[in-house]
Amino acid sequence: MRKVDLCLSSEGAEVILATSSDEKHPPENMIDGNLETFWTTTGMFPQEFIVCFHKHVRIERLVIQSYFVRTLRIEKSTSTEPVDFEQWIERDLVHTEGQLQNEEIMISKLTVQDQNASRIGFWC
């Protein structure tokens, strides 16, 4: 079976909320598939964004690339609206002093029910 990056706008994903935005680096850059673009924040903590899939999906792996993130909390919802989020994953990230943080989270180790979501929210 072909693995698909479900968090791309070309696959129907959409950023429906972001607590910070910069016109040169908008939140939509996170899901455009271009490694040269990115979302930047105001630098205040915490920051939050929600990605909507517009259908239930099974998530097996998350890859997070970031700078200066101390703690990452991910919540998920199976609701058709952005409500009823439940805490899913929380990680303290290694401080890399200005270097790119690459965090891979293998969801496939969880039960199939725990892999399903229609929206995921990130707090960092």
PDB file of N, CA and C in Angstrom:
ATOM      1  N   MET A   1       0.840  -1.182   0.000  1.00  0.00           N
ATOM      2  CA  MET A   1       0.000   0.000   0.000  1.00  0.00           C
ATOM      3  C   MET A   1       0.887   1.248   0.000  1.00  0.00           C
ATOM      4  N   ARG A   2       0.554   2.202  -0.808  1.00  0.00           N
ATOM      5  CA  ARG A   2       1.302   3.446  -0.958  1.00  0.00           C
ATOM      6  C   ARG A   2       1.105   4.329   0.266  1.00  0.00           C
ATOM      7  N   LYS A   3       2.204   4.843   0.820  1.00  0.00           N
ATOM      8  CA  LYS A   3       2.148   5.771   1.956  1.00  0.00           C
ATOM      9  C   LYS A   3       1.931   7.174   1.410  1.00  0.00           C
ATOM     10  N   VAL A   4       1.007   7.895   2.010  1.00  0.00           N
ATOM     11  CA  VAL A   4       0.649   9.232   1.563  1.00  0.00           C
ATOM     12  C   VAL A   4       0.894  10.216   2.701  1.00  0.00           C
ATOM     13  N   ASP A   5       1.430  11.377   2.369  1.00  0.00           N
ATOM     14  CA  ASP A   5       1.594  12.437   3.363  1.00  0.00           C
ATOM     15  C   ASP A   5       0.254  13.162   3.472  1.00  0.00           C
ATOM     16  N   LEU A   6      -0.533  12.787   4.473  1.00  0.00           N
ATOM     17  CA  LEU A   6      -1.888  13.311   4.639  1.00  0.00           C
ATOM     18  C   LEU A   6      -1.915  14.769   5.069  1.00  0.00           C
ATOM     19  N   CYS A   7      -0.786  15.274   5.536  1.00  0.00           N
ATOM     20  CA  CYS A   7      -0.734  16.641   6.048  1.00  0.00           C
ATOM     21  C   CYS A   7      -0.336  17.639   4.968  1.00  0.00           C
ATOM     22  N   LEU A   8      -0.627  17.347   3.729  1.00  0.00           N
ATOM     23  CA  LEU A   8      -0.347  18.267   2.633  1.00  0.00           C
ATOM     24  C   LEU A   8      -1.645  18.874   2.119  1.00  0.00           C
ATOM     25  N   SER A   9      -1.585  20.129   1.733  1.00  0.00           N
ATOM     26  CA  SER A   9      -2.771  20.767   1.154  1.00  0.00           C
ATOM     27  C   SER A   9      -3.192  20.041  -0.119  1.00  0.00           C
ATOM     28  N   SER A  10      -2.241  19.482  -0.855  1.00  0.00           N
ATOM     29  CA  SER A  10      -2.578  18.742  -2.077  1.00  0.00           C
ATOM     30  C   SER A  10      -3.367  17.466  -1.785  1.00  0.00           C
ATOM     31  N   GLU A  11      -3.339  16.993  -0.551  1.00  0.00           N
ATOM     32  CA  GLU A  11      -4.122  15.826  -0.126  1.00  0.00           C
ATOM     33  C   GLU A  11      -5.413  16.238   0.575  1.00  0.00           C
ATOM     34  N   GLY A  12      -5.681  17.541   0.619  1.00  0.00           N
ATOM     35  CA  GLY A  12      -6.919  18.037   1.215  1.00  0.00           C
ATOM     36  C   GLY A  12      -6.786  18.584   2.624  1.00  0.00           C
ATOM     37  N   ALA A  13      -5.602  18.528   3.207  1.00  0.00           N
ATOM     38  CA  ALA A  13      -5.409  19.070   4.564  1.00  0.00           C
ATOM     39  C   ALA A  13      -5.504  20.587   4.526  1.00  0.00           C
ATOM     40  N   GLU A  14      -5.907  21.150   5.658  1.00  0.00           N
ATOM     41  CA  GLU A  14      -6.074  22.600   5.759  1.00  0.00           C
ATOM     42  C   GLU A  14      -5.715  23.051   7.170  1.00  0.00           C
ATOM     43  N   VAL A  15      -4.968  24.143   7.273  1.00  0.00           N
ATOM     44  CA  VAL A  15      -4.714  24.752   8.573  1.00  0.00           C
ATOM     45  C   VAL A  15      -5.930  25.612   8.886  1.00  0.00           C
ATOM     46  N   ILE A  16      -6.691  25.233   9.915  1.00  0.00           N
ATOM     47  CA  ILE A  16      -7.924  25.964  10.213  1.00  0.00           C
ATOM     48  C   ILE A  16      -7.762  26.926  11.382  1.00  0.00           C
ATOM     49  N   LEU A  17      -6.626  26.852  12.083  1.00  0.00           N
ATOM     50  CA  LEU A  17      -6.361  27.789  13.168  1.00  0.00           C
ATOM     51  C   LEU A  17      -4.863  27.878  13.379  1.00  0.00           C
ATOM     52  N   ALA A  18      -4.377  29.084  13.557  1.00  0.00           N
ATOM     53  CA  ALA A  18      -2.987  29.319  13.963  1.00  0.00           C
ATOM     54  C   ALA A  18      -2.993  30.568  14.829  1.00  0.00           C
ATOM     55  N   THR A  19      -2.279  30.525  15.934  1.00  0.00           N
ATOM     56  CA  THR A  19      -2.301  31.645  16.879  1.00  0.00           C
ATOM     57  C   THR A  19      -1.358  32.762  16.492  1.00  0.00           C
ATOM     58  N   SER A  20      -0.604  32.569  15.432  1.00  0.00           N
ATOM     59  CA  SER A  20       0.321  33.589  14.988  1.00  0.00           C
ATOM     60  C   SER A  20       0.443  33.508  13.475  1.00  0.00           C
ATOM     61  N   SER A  21       0.655  34.655  12.852  1.00  0.00           N
ATOM     62  CA  SER A  21       0.791  34.652  11.398  1.00  0.00           C
ATOM     63  C   SER A  21       1.695  35.793  10.970  1.00  0.00           C
ATOM     64  N   ASP A  22       2.451  35.551   9.939  1.00  0.00           N
ATOM     65  CA  ASP A  22       3.326  36.532   9.323  1.00  0.00           C
ATOM     66  C   ASP A  22       3.031  36.468   7.828  1.00  0.00           C
ATOM     67  N   GLU A  23       2.802  37.597   7.181  1.00  0.00           N
ATOM     68  CA  GLU A  23       2.400  37.564   5.772  1.00  0.00           C
ATOM     69  C   GLU A  23       3.457  36.923   4.874  1.00  0.00           C
ATOM     70  N   LYS A  24       4.726  36.979   5.263  1.00  0.00           N
ATOM     71  CA  LYS A  24       5.773  36.344   4.462  1.00  0.00           C
ATOM     72  C   LYS A  24       5.889  34.846   4.738  1.00  0.00           C
ATOM     73  N   HIS A  25       5.431  34.419   5.908  1.00  0.00           N
ATOM     74  CA  HIS A  25       5.549  33.013   6.316  1.00  0.00           C
ATOM     75  C   HIS A  25       4.243  32.560   6.978  1.00  0.00           C
ATOM     76  N   PRO A  26       3.154  32.463   6.203  1.00  0.00           N
ATOM     77  CA  PRO A  26       1.846  32.129   6.777  1.00  0.00           C
ATOM     78  C   PRO A  26       1.745  30.662   7.200  1.00  0.00           C
ATOM     79  N   PRO A  27       0.761  30.340   8.027  1.00  0.00           N
ATOM     80  CA  PRO A  27       0.585  28.974   8.512  1.00  0.00           C
ATOM     81  C   PRO A  27       0.412  27.939   7.390  1.00  0.00           C
ATOM     82  N   GLU A  28      -0.162  28.331   6.287  1.00  0.00           N
ATOM     83  CA  GLU A  28      -0.381  27.404   5.172  1.00  0.00           C
ATOM     84  C   GLU A  28       0.928  26.827   4.638  1.00  0.00           C
ATOM     85  N   ASN A  29       2.037  27.527   4.898  1.00  0.00           N
ATOM     86  CA  ASN A  29       3.345  27.027   4.455  1.00  0.00           C
ATOM     87  C   ASN A  29       3.696  25.688   5.097  1.00  0.00           C
ATOM     88  N   MET A  30       3.122  25.404   6.265  1.00  0.00           N
ATOM     89  CA  MET A  30       3.433  24.147   6.952  1.00  0.00           C
ATOM     90  C   MET A  30       2.988  22.937   6.145  1.00  0.00           C
ATOM     91  N   ILE A  31       1.971  23.102   5.312  1.00  0.00           N
ATOM     92  CA  ILE A  31       1.394  21.949   4.618  1.00  0.00           C
ATOM     93  C   ILE A  31       1.482  22.068   3.102  1.00  0.00           C
ATOM     94  N   ASP A  32       2.362  22.941   2.600  1.00  0.00           N
ATOM     95  CA  ASP A  32       2.443  23.117   1.147  1.00  0.00           C
ATOM     96  C   ASP A  32       3.410  22.140   0.462  1.00  0.00           C
ATOM     97  N   GLY A  33       4.167  21.360   1.247  1.00  0.00           N
ATOM     98  CA  GLY A  33       5.075  20.374   0.671  1.00  0.00           C
ATOM     99  C   GLY A  33       6.399  20.936   0.195  1.00  0.00           C
ATOM    100  N   ASN A  34       6.604  22.232   0.342  1.00  0.00           N
ATOM    101  CA  ASN A  34       7.826  22.883  -0.106  1.00  0.00           C
ATOM    102  C   ASN A  34       8.779  23.013   1.081  1.00  0.00           C
ATOM    103  N   LEU A  35       9.938  22.378   1.003  1.00  0.00           N
ATOM    104  CA  LEU A  35      10.896  22.425   2.112  1.00  0.00           C
ATOM    105  C   LEU A  35      11.530  23.802   2.288  1.00  0.00           C
ATOM    106  N   GLU A  36      11.344  24.688   1.327  1.00  0.00           N
ATOM    107  CA  GLU A  36      11.911  26.040   1.404  1.00  0.00           C
ATOM    108  C   GLU A  36      10.979  27.031   2.102  1.00  0.00           C
ATOM    109  N   THR A  37       9.723  26.651   2.329  1.00  0.00           N
ATOM    110  CA  THR A  37       8.777  27.550   2.994  1.00  0.00           C
ATOM    111  C   THR A  37       8.496  27.046   4.403  1.00  0.00           C
ATOM    112  N   PHE A  38       8.021  27.942   5.256  1.00  0.00           N
ATOM    113  CA  PHE A  38       7.790  27.589   6.656  1.00  0.00           C
ATOM    114  C   PHE A  38       6.834  28.592   7.274  1.00  0.00           C
ATOM    115  N   TRP A  39       6.323  28.227   8.457  1.00  0.00           N
ATOM    116  CA  TRP A  39       5.489  29.113   9.275  1.00  0.00           C
ATOM    117  C   TRP A  39       6.388  29.703  10.340  1.00  0.00           C
ATOM    118  N   THR A  40       6.273  30.981  10.556  1.00  0.00           N
ATOM    119  CA  THR A  40       7.017  31.609  11.639  1.00  0.00           C
ATOM    120  C   THR A  40       6.032  32.226  12.614  1.00  0.00           C
ATOM    121  N   THR A  41       6.435  32.277  13.871  1.00  0.00           N
ATOM    122  CA  THR A  41       5.561  32.813  14.907  1.00  0.00           C
ATOM    123  C   THR A  41       6.151  34.106  15.462  1.00  0.00           C
ATOM    124  N   THR A  42       5.424  34.698  16.373  1.00  0.00           N
ATOM    125  CA  THR A  42       5.874  35.943  17.009  1.00  0.00           C
ATOM    126  C   THR A  42       6.972  35.697  18.027  1.00  0.00           C
ATOM    127  N   GLY A  43       7.210  34.438  18.364  1.00  0.00           N
ATOM    128  CA  GLY A  43       8.202  34.115  19.384  1.00  0.00           C
ATOM    129  C   GLY A  43       7.606  33.969  20.765  1.00  0.00           C
ATOM    130  N   MET A  44       6.356  34.366  20.937  1.00  0.00           N
ATOM    131  CA  MET A  44       5.683  34.196  22.226  1.00  0.00           C
ATOM    132  C   MET A  44       5.266  32.736  22.367  1.00  0.00           C
ATOM    133  N   PHE A  45       5.155  32.268  23.605  1.00  0.00           N
ATOM    134  CA  PHE A  45       4.754  30.889  23.851  1.00  0.00           C
ATOM    135  C   PHE A  45       3.485  30.877  24.662  1.00  0.00           C
ATOM    136  N   PRO A  46       2.627  29.908  24.582  1.00  0.00           N
ATOM    137  CA  PRO A  46       2.699  28.832  23.599  1.00  0.00           C
ATOM    138  C   PRO A  46       2.089  29.262  22.262  1.00  0.00           C
ATOM    139  N   GLN A  47       2.375  28.522  21.236  1.00  0.00           N
ATOM    140  CA  GLN A  47       1.758  28.692  19.923  1.00  0.00           C
ATOM    141  C   GLN A  47       0.892  27.470  19.665  1.00  0.00           C
ATOM    142  N   GLU A  48      -0.117  27.651  18.835  1.00  0.00           N
ATOM    143  CA  GLU A  48      -1.054  26.566  18.558  1.00  0.00           C
ATOM    144  C   GLU A  48      -1.450  26.611  17.099  1.00  0.00           C
ATOM    145  N   PHE A  49      -1.628  25.435  16.510  1.00  0.00           N
ATOM    146  CA  PHE A  49      -2.236  25.362  15.182  1.00  0.00           C
ATOM    147  C   PHE A  49      -3.016  24.058  15.081  1.00  0.00           C
ATOM    148  N   ILE A  50      -4.043  24.091  14.246  1.00  0.00           N
ATOM    149  CA  ILE A  50      -4.890  22.915  14.038  1.00  0.00           C
ATOM    150  C   ILE A  50      -4.905  22.604  12.550  1.00  0.00           C
ATOM    151  N   VAL A  51      -4.656  21.328  12.230  1.00  0.00           N
ATOM    152  CA  VAL A  51      -4.731  20.845  10.858  1.00  0.00           C
ATOM    153  C   VAL A  51      -5.979  19.988  10.739  1.00  0.00           C
ATOM    154  N   CYS A  52      -6.780  20.284   9.726  1.00  0.00           N
ATOM    155  CA  CYS A  52      -8.019  19.547   9.474  1.00  0.00           C
ATOM    156  C   CYS A  52      -7.826  18.678   8.229  1.00  0.00           C
ATOM    157  N   PHE A  53      -8.277  17.434   8.301  1.00  0.00           N
ATOM    158  CA  PHE A  53      -8.174  16.516   7.172  1.00  0.00           C
ATOM    159  C   PHE A  53      -9.478  16.409   6.379  1.00  0.00           C
ATOM    160  N   HIS A  54     -10.597  16.905   6.919  1.00  0.00           N
ATOM    161  CA  HIS A  54     -11.920  16.863   6.292  1.00  0.00           C
ATOM    162  C   HIS A  54     -12.435  15.447   6.064  1.00  0.00           C
ATOM    163  N   LYS A  55     -11.787  14.478   6.690  1.00  0.00           N
ATOM    164  CA  LYS A  55     -12.252  13.091   6.696  1.00  0.00           C
ATOM    165  C   LYS A  55     -11.469  12.390   7.797  1.00  0.00           C
ATOM    166  N   HIS A  56     -11.948  11.231   8.219  1.00  0.00           N
ATOM    167  CA  HIS A  56     -11.189  10.455   9.194  1.00  0.00           C
ATOM    168  C   HIS A  56      -9.992   9.830   8.487  1.00  0.00           C
ATOM    169  N   VAL A  57      -8.836   9.935   9.115  1.00  0.00           N
ATOM    170  CA  VAL A  57      -7.624   9.353   8.556  1.00  0.00           C
ATOM    171  C   VAL A  57      -6.939   8.506   9.623  1.00  0.00           C
ATOM    172  N   ARG A  58      -6.124   7.597   9.171  1.00  0.00           N
ATOM    173  CA  ARG A  58      -5.319   6.773  10.071  1.00  0.00           C
ATOM    174  C   ARG A  58      -3.891   7.290   9.991  1.00  0.00           C
ATOM    175  N   ILE A  59      -3.394   7.775  11.095  1.00  0.00           N
ATOM    176  CA  ILE A  59      -2.064   8.372  11.146  1.00  0.00           C
ATOM    177  C   ILE A  59      -1.092   7.351  11.727  1.00  0.00           C
ATOM    178  N   GLU A  60      -0.035   7.052  10.983  1.00  0.00           N
ATOM    179  CA  GLU A  60       0.956   6.087  11.434  1.00  0.00           C
ATOM    180  C   GLU A  60       2.249   6.736  11.907  1.00  0.00           C
ATOM    181  N   ARG A  61       2.525   7.949  11.405  1.00  0.00           N
ATOM    182  CA  ARG A  61       3.792   8.588  11.725  1.00  0.00           C
ATOM    183  C   ARG A  61       3.638  10.095  11.588  1.00  0.00           C
ATOM    184  N   LEU A  62       4.217  10.822  12.520  1.00  0.00           N
ATOM    185  CA  LEU A  62       4.282  12.277  12.445  1.00  0.00           C
ATOM    186  C   LEU A  62       5.744  12.681  12.395  1.00  0.00           C
ATOM    187  N   VAL A  63       6.062  13.609  11.503  1.00  0.00           N
ATOM    188  CA  VAL A  63       7.409  14.161  11.430  1.00  0.00           C
ATOM    189  C   VAL A  63       7.282  15.655  11.677  1.00  0.00           C
ATOM    190  N   ILE A  64       7.941  16.122  12.715  1.00  0.00           N
ATOM    191  CA  ILE A  64       7.883  17.526  13.098  1.00  0.00           C
ATOM    192  C   ILE A  64       9.271  18.118  12.902  1.00  0.00           C
ATOM    193  N   GLN A  65       9.341  19.219  12.167  1.00  0.00           N
ATOM    194  CA  GLN A  65      10.590  19.960  12.015  1.00  0.00           C
ATOM    195  C   GLN A  65      10.360  21.349  12.580  1.00  0.00           C
ATOM    196  N   SER A  66      11.214  21.754  13.515  1.00  0.00           N
ATOM    197  CA  SER A  66      10.970  23.008  14.213  1.00  0.00           C
ATOM    198  C   SER A  66      12.282  23.610  14.702  1.00  0.00           C
ATOM    199  N   TYR A  67      12.171  24.819  15.217  1.00  0.00           N
ATOM    200  CA  TYR A  67      13.272  25.504  15.886  1.00  0.00           C
ATOM    201  C   TYR A  67      12.767  26.017  17.229  1.00  0.00           C
ATOM    202  N   PHE A  68      13.558  25.904  18.257  1.00  0.00           N
ATOM    203  CA  PHE A  68      13.314  26.497  19.571  1.00  0.00           C
ATOM    204  C   PHE A  68      12.021  26.029  20.243  1.00  0.00           C
ATOM    205  N   VAL A  69      11.560  24.819  19.942  1.00  0.00           N
ATOM    206  CA  VAL A  69      10.383  24.270  20.612  1.00  0.00           C
ATOM    207  C   VAL A  69      10.857  23.465  21.815  1.00  0.00           C
ATOM    208  N   ARG A  70      10.313  23.787  22.976  1.00  0.00           N
ATOM    209  CA  ARG A  70      10.690  23.082  24.203  1.00  0.00           C
ATOM    210  C   ARG A  70       9.824  21.848  24.408  1.00  0.00           C
ATOM    211  N   THR A  71       8.519  22.066  24.369  1.00  0.00           N
ATOM    212  CA  THR A  71       7.566  20.979  24.587  1.00  0.00           C
ATOM    213  C   THR A  71       6.531  21.012  23.481  1.00  0.00           C
ATOM    214  N   LEU A  72       6.214  19.849  22.968  1.00  0.00           N
ATOM    215  CA  LEU A  72       5.213  19.718  21.920  1.00  0.00           C
ATOM    216  C   LEU A  72       4.078  18.860  22.459  1.00  0.00           C
ATOM    217  N   ARG A  73       2.865  19.395  22.423  1.00  0.00           N
ATOM    218  CA  ARG A  73       1.681  18.633  22.826  1.00  0.00           C
ATOM    219  C   ARG A  73       0.783  18.514  21.608  1.00  0.00           C
ATOM    220  N   ILE A  74       0.355  17.309  21.329  1.00  0.00           N
ATOM    221  CA  ILE A  74      -0.515  17.058  20.183  1.00  0.00           C
ATOM    222  C   ILE A  74      -1.815  16.482  20.707  1.00  0.00           C
ATOM    223  N   GLU A  75      -2.906  17.080  20.267  1.00  0.00           N
ATOM    224  CA  GLU A  75      -4.233  16.591  20.620  1.00  0.00           C
ATOM    225  C   GLU A  75      -4.941  16.200  19.337  1.00  0.00           C
ATOM    226  N   LYS A  76      -5.920  15.313  19.448  1.00  0.00           N
ATOM    227  CA  LYS A  76      -6.656  14.884  18.263  1.00  0.00           C
ATOM    228  C   LYS A  76      -8.149  14.917  18.531  1.00  0.00           C
ATOM    229  N   SER A  77      -8.885  14.995  17.444  1.00  0.00           N
ATOM    230  CA  SER A  77     -10.338  14.974  17.511  1.00  0.00           C
ATOM    231  C   SER A  77     -10.858  14.110  16.368  1.00  0.00           C
ATOM    232  N   THR A  78     -11.906  13.380  16.625  1.00  0.00           N
ATOM    233  CA  THR A  78     -12.569  12.624  15.564  1.00  0.00           C
ATOM    234  C   THR A  78     -13.906  13.267  15.212  1.00  0.00           C
ATOM    235  N   SER A  79     -14.171  14.426  15.778  1.00  0.00           N
ATOM    236  CA  SER A  79     -15.410  15.155  15.530  1.00  0.00           C
ATOM    237  C   SER A  79     -15.387  15.797  14.140  1.00  0.00           C
ATOM    238  N   THR A  80     -16.565  16.087  13.607  1.00  0.00           N
ATOM    239  CA  THR A  80     -16.641  16.781  12.319  1.00  0.00           C
ATOM    240  C   THR A  80     -16.394  18.277  12.469  1.00  0.00           C
ATOM    241  N   GLU A  81     -16.397  18.765  13.701  1.00  0.00           N
ATOM    242  CA  GLU A  81     -16.087  20.166  14.001  1.00  0.00           C
ATOM    243  C   GLU A  81     -14.808  20.201  14.842  1.00  0.00           C
ATOM    244  N   PRO A  82     -14.123  21.346  14.911  1.00  0.00           N
ATOM    245  CA  PRO A  82     -12.894  21.415  15.715  1.00  0.00           C
ATOM    246  C   PRO A  82     -13.192  21.529  17.210  1.00  0.00           C
ATOM    247  N   VAL A  83     -13.770  20.473  17.760  1.00  0.00           N
ATOM    248  CA  VAL A  83     -14.126  20.410  19.183  1.00  0.00           C
ATOM    249  C   VAL A  83     -13.755  19.029  19.717  1.00  0.00           C
ATOM    250  N   ASP A  84     -13.896  18.869  21.013  1.00  0.00           N
ATOM    251  CA  ASP A  84     -13.701  17.574  21.673  1.00  0.00           C
ATOM    252  C   ASP A  84     -12.307  16.997  21.447  1.00  0.00           C
ATOM    253  N   PHE A  85     -11.301  17.852  21.549  1.00  0.00           N
ATOM    254  CA  PHE A  85      -9.930  17.367  21.416  1.00  0.00           C
ATOM    255  C   PHE A  85      -9.537  16.605  22.664  1.00  0.00           C
ATOM    256  N   GLU A  86      -8.752  15.547  22.485  1.00  0.00           N
ATOM    257  CA  GLU A  86      -8.218  14.782  23.603  1.00  0.00           C
ATOM    258  C   GLU A  86      -6.704  14.742  23.480  1.00  0.00           C
ATOM    259  N   GLN A  87      -6.034  14.821  24.629  1.00  0.00           N
ATOM    260  CA  GLN A  87      -4.573  14.785  24.587  1.00  0.00           C
ATOM    261  C   GLN A  87      -4.128  13.455  24.005  1.00  0.00           C
ATOM    262  N   TRP A  88      -3.152  13.508  23.126  1.00  0.00           N
ATOM    263  CA  TRP A  88      -2.711  12.342  22.376  1.00  0.00           C
ATOM    264  C   TRP A  88      -1.241  12.046  22.660  1.00  0.00           C
ATOM    265  N   ILE A  89      -0.386  13.044  22.457  1.00  0.00           N
ATOM    266  CA  ILE A  89       1.054  12.863  22.597  1.00  0.00           C
ATOM    267  C   ILE A  89       1.633  14.121  23.235  1.00  0.00           C
ATOM    268  N   GLU A  90       2.600  13.945  24.117  1.00  0.00           N
ATOM    269  CA  GLU A  90       3.330  15.094  24.649  1.00  0.00           C
ATOM    270  C   GLU A  90       4.796  14.715  24.718  1.00  0.00           C
ATOM    271  N   ARG A  91       5.641  15.598  24.197  1.00  0.00           N
ATOM    272  CA  ARG A  91       7.082  15.335  24.150  1.00  0.00           C
ATOM    273  C   ARG A  91       7.863  16.585  24.510  1.00  0.00           C
ATOM    274  N   ASP A  92       8.913  16.412  25.290  1.00  0.00           N
ATOM    275  CA  ASP A  92       9.910  17.453  25.485  1.00  0.00           C
ATOM    276  C   ASP A  92      10.935  17.264  24.379  1.00  0.00           C
ATOM    277  N   LEU A  93      11.209  18.316  23.621  1.00  0.00           N
ATOM    278  CA  LEU A  93      12.157  18.222  22.515  1.00  0.00           C
ATOM    279  C   LEU A  93      13.546  18.637  22.982  1.00  0.00           C
ATOM    280  N   VAL A  94      14.543  18.065  22.367  1.00  0.00           N
ATOM    281  CA  VAL A  94      15.933  18.378  22.686  1.00  0.00           C
ATOM    282  C   VAL A  94      16.250  19.767  22.157  1.00  0.00           C
ATOM    283  N   HIS A  95      16.803  20.617  23.015  1.00  0.00           N
ATOM    284  CA  HIS A  95      17.213  21.961  22.598  1.00  0.00           C
ATOM    285  C   HIS A  95      18.443  21.832  21.709  1.00  0.00           C
ATOM    286  N   THR A  96      18.408  22.465  20.532  1.00  0.00           N
ATOM    287  CA  THR A  96      19.492  22.316  19.561  1.00  0.00           C
ATOM    288  C   THR A  96      20.173  23.632  19.228  1.00  0.00           C
ATOM    289  N   GLU A  97      19.992  24.665  20.042  1.00  0.00           N
ATOM    290  CA  GLU A  97      20.661  25.967  19.893  1.00  0.00           C
ATOM    291  C   GLU A  97      20.692  26.456  18.450  1.00  0.00           C
ATOM    292  N   GLY A  98      19.519  26.735  17.919  1.00  0.00           N
ATOM    293  CA  GLY A  98      19.411  27.321  16.585  1.00  0.00           C
ATOM    294  C   GLY A  98      19.477  26.332  15.445  1.00  0.00           C
ATOM    295  N   GLN A  99      19.616  25.043  15.739  1.00  0.00           N
ATOM    296  CA  GLN A  99      19.644  24.016  14.702  1.00  0.00           C
ATOM    297  C   GLN A  99      18.245  23.421  14.549  1.00  0.00           C
ATOM    298  N   LEU A 100      17.969  22.907  13.374  1.00  0.00           N
ATOM    299  CA  LEU A 100      16.673  22.296  13.091  1.00  0.00           C
ATOM    300  C   LEU A 100      16.433  21.110  14.017  1.00  0.00           C
ATOM    301  N   GLN A 101      15.249  21.092  14.640  1.00  0.00           N
ATOM    302  CA  GLN A 101      14.821  19.962  15.469  1.00  0.00           C
ATOM    303  C   GLN A 101      14.008  19.026  14.575  1.00  0.00           C
ATOM    304  N   ASN A 102      14.428  17.797  14.461  1.00  0.00           N
ATOM    305  CA  ASN A 102      13.689  16.778  13.706  1.00  0.00           C
ATOM    306  C   ASN A 102      13.142  15.770  14.696  1.00  0.00           C
ATOM    307  N   GLU A 103      11.843  15.674  14.769  1.00  0.00           N
ATOM    308  CA  GLU A 103      11.196  14.754  15.708  1.00  0.00           C
ATOM    309  C   GLU A 103      10.282  13.841  14.907  1.00  0.00           C
ATOM    310  N   GLU A 104      10.525  12.549  14.997  1.00  0.00           N
ATOM    311  CA  GLU A 104       9.673  11.568  14.336  1.00  0.00           C
ATOM    312  C   GLU A 104       8.927  10.797  15.407  1.00  0.00           C
ATOM    313  N   ILE A 105       7.625  10.749  15.287  1.00  0.00           N
ATOM    314  CA  ILE A 105       6.775  10.077  16.267  1.00  0.00           C
ATOM    315  C   ILE A 105       6.059   8.950  15.546  1.00  0.00           C
ATOM    316  N   MET A 106       6.347   7.727  15.965  1.00  0.00           N
ATOM    317  CA  MET A 106       5.728   6.560  15.354  1.00  0.00           C
ATOM    318  C   MET A 106       4.394   6.275  16.042  1.00  0.00           C
ATOM    319  N   ILE A 107       3.327   6.547  15.336  1.00  0.00           N
ATOM    320  CA  ILE A 107       1.977   6.339  15.871  1.00  0.00           C
ATOM    321  C   ILE A 107       1.559   4.883  15.686  1.00  0.00           C
ATOM    322  N   SER A 108       2.181   4.186  14.764  1.00  0.00           N
ATOM    323  CA  SER A 108       1.788   2.811  14.453  1.00  0.00           C
ATOM    324  C   SER A 108       1.923   1.887  15.659  1.00  0.00           C
ATOM    325  N   LYS A 109       2.628   2.330  16.694  1.00  0.00           N
ATOM    326  CA  LYS A 109       2.758   1.532  17.917  1.00  0.00           C
ATOM    327  C   LYS A 109       1.487   1.604  18.766  1.00  0.00           C
ATOM    328  N   LEU A 110       0.608   2.539  18.448  1.00  0.00           N
ATOM    329  CA  LEU A 110      -0.640   2.681  19.195  1.00  0.00           C
ATOM    330  C   LEU A 110      -1.699   1.772  18.581  1.00  0.00           C
ATOM    331  N   THR A 111      -2.819   1.616  19.272  1.00  0.00           N
ATOM    332  CA  THR A 111      -3.911   0.815  18.728  1.00  0.00           C
ATOM    333  C   THR A 111      -4.515   1.530  17.525  1.00  0.00           C
ATOM    334  N   VAL A 112      -5.175   0.806  16.669  1.00  0.00           N
ATOM    335  CA  VAL A 112      -5.785   1.387  15.468  1.00  0.00           C
ATOM    336  C   VAL A 112      -6.754   2.496  15.849  1.00  0.00           C
ATOM    337  N   GLN A 113      -7.535   2.321  16.906  1.00  0.00           N
ATOM    338  CA  GLN A 113      -8.477   3.352  17.340  1.00  0.00           C
ATOM    339  C   GLN A 113      -7.739   4.632  17.699  1.00  0.00           C
ATOM    340  N   ASP A 114      -6.574   4.510  18.333  1.00  0.00           N
ATOM    341  CA  ASP A 114      -5.800   5.682  18.723  1.00  0.00           C
ATOM    342  C   ASP A 114      -5.136   6.368  17.538  1.00  0.00           C
ATOM    343  N   GLN A 115      -5.090   5.724  16.395  1.00  0.00           N
ATOM    344  CA  GLN A 115      -4.469   6.306  15.207  1.00  0.00           C
ATOM    345  C   GLN A 115      -5.449   7.159  14.411  1.00  0.00           C
ATOM    346  N   ASN A 116      -6.737   7.026  14.648  1.00  0.00           N
ATOM    347  CA  ASN A 116      -7.745   7.707  13.836  1.00  0.00           C
ATOM    348  C   ASN A 116      -7.974   9.137  14.302  1.00  0.00           C
ATOM    349  N   ALA A 117      -8.100  10.044  13.337  1.00  0.00           N
ATOM    350  CA  ALA A 117      -8.365  11.446  13.655  1.00  0.00           C
ATOM    351  C   ALA A 117      -8.937  12.135  12.430  1.00  0.00           C
ATOM    352  N   SER A 118      -9.676  13.205  12.655  1.00  0.00           N
ATOM    353  CA  SER A 118     -10.105  14.069  11.565  1.00  0.00           C
ATOM    354  C   SER A 118      -9.431  15.435  11.679  1.00  0.00           C
ATOM    355  N   ARG A 119      -8.905  15.720  12.876  1.00  0.00           N
ATOM    356  CA  ARG A 119      -8.185  16.972  13.128  1.00  0.00           C
ATOM    357  C   ARG A 119      -7.095  16.694  14.156  1.00  0.00           C
ATOM    358  N   ILE A 120      -5.964  17.383  14.002  1.00  0.00           N
ATOM    359  CA  ILE A 120      -4.947  17.315  15.039  1.00  0.00           C
ATOM    360  C   ILE A 120      -4.522  18.729  15.389  1.00  0.00           C
ATOM    361  N   GLY A 121      -4.372  18.962  16.666  1.00  0.00           N
ATOM    362  CA  GLY A 121      -3.954  20.264  17.167  1.00  0.00           C
ATOM    363  C   GLY A 121      -2.576  20.163  17.774  1.00  0.00           C
ATOM    364  N   PHE A 122      -1.750  21.164  17.524  1.00  0.00           N
ATOM    365  CA  PHE A 122      -0.380  21.188  18.022  1.00  0.00           C
ATOM    366  C   PHE A 122      -0.197  22.399  18.919  1.00  0.00           C
ATOM    367  N   TRP A 123       0.387  22.190  20.079  1.00  0.00           N
ATOM    368  CA  TRP A 123       0.708  23.274  21.007  1.00  0.00           C
ATOM    369  C   TRP A 123       2.200  23.190  21.260  1.00  0.00           C
ATOM    370  N   CYS A 124       2.894  24.291  21.022  1.00  0.00           N
ATOM    371  CA  CYS A 124       4.341  24.269  21.216  1.00  0.00           C
ATOM    372  C   CYS A 124       4.809  25.594  21.793  1.00  0.00           C
TER     373      CYS A 124
END
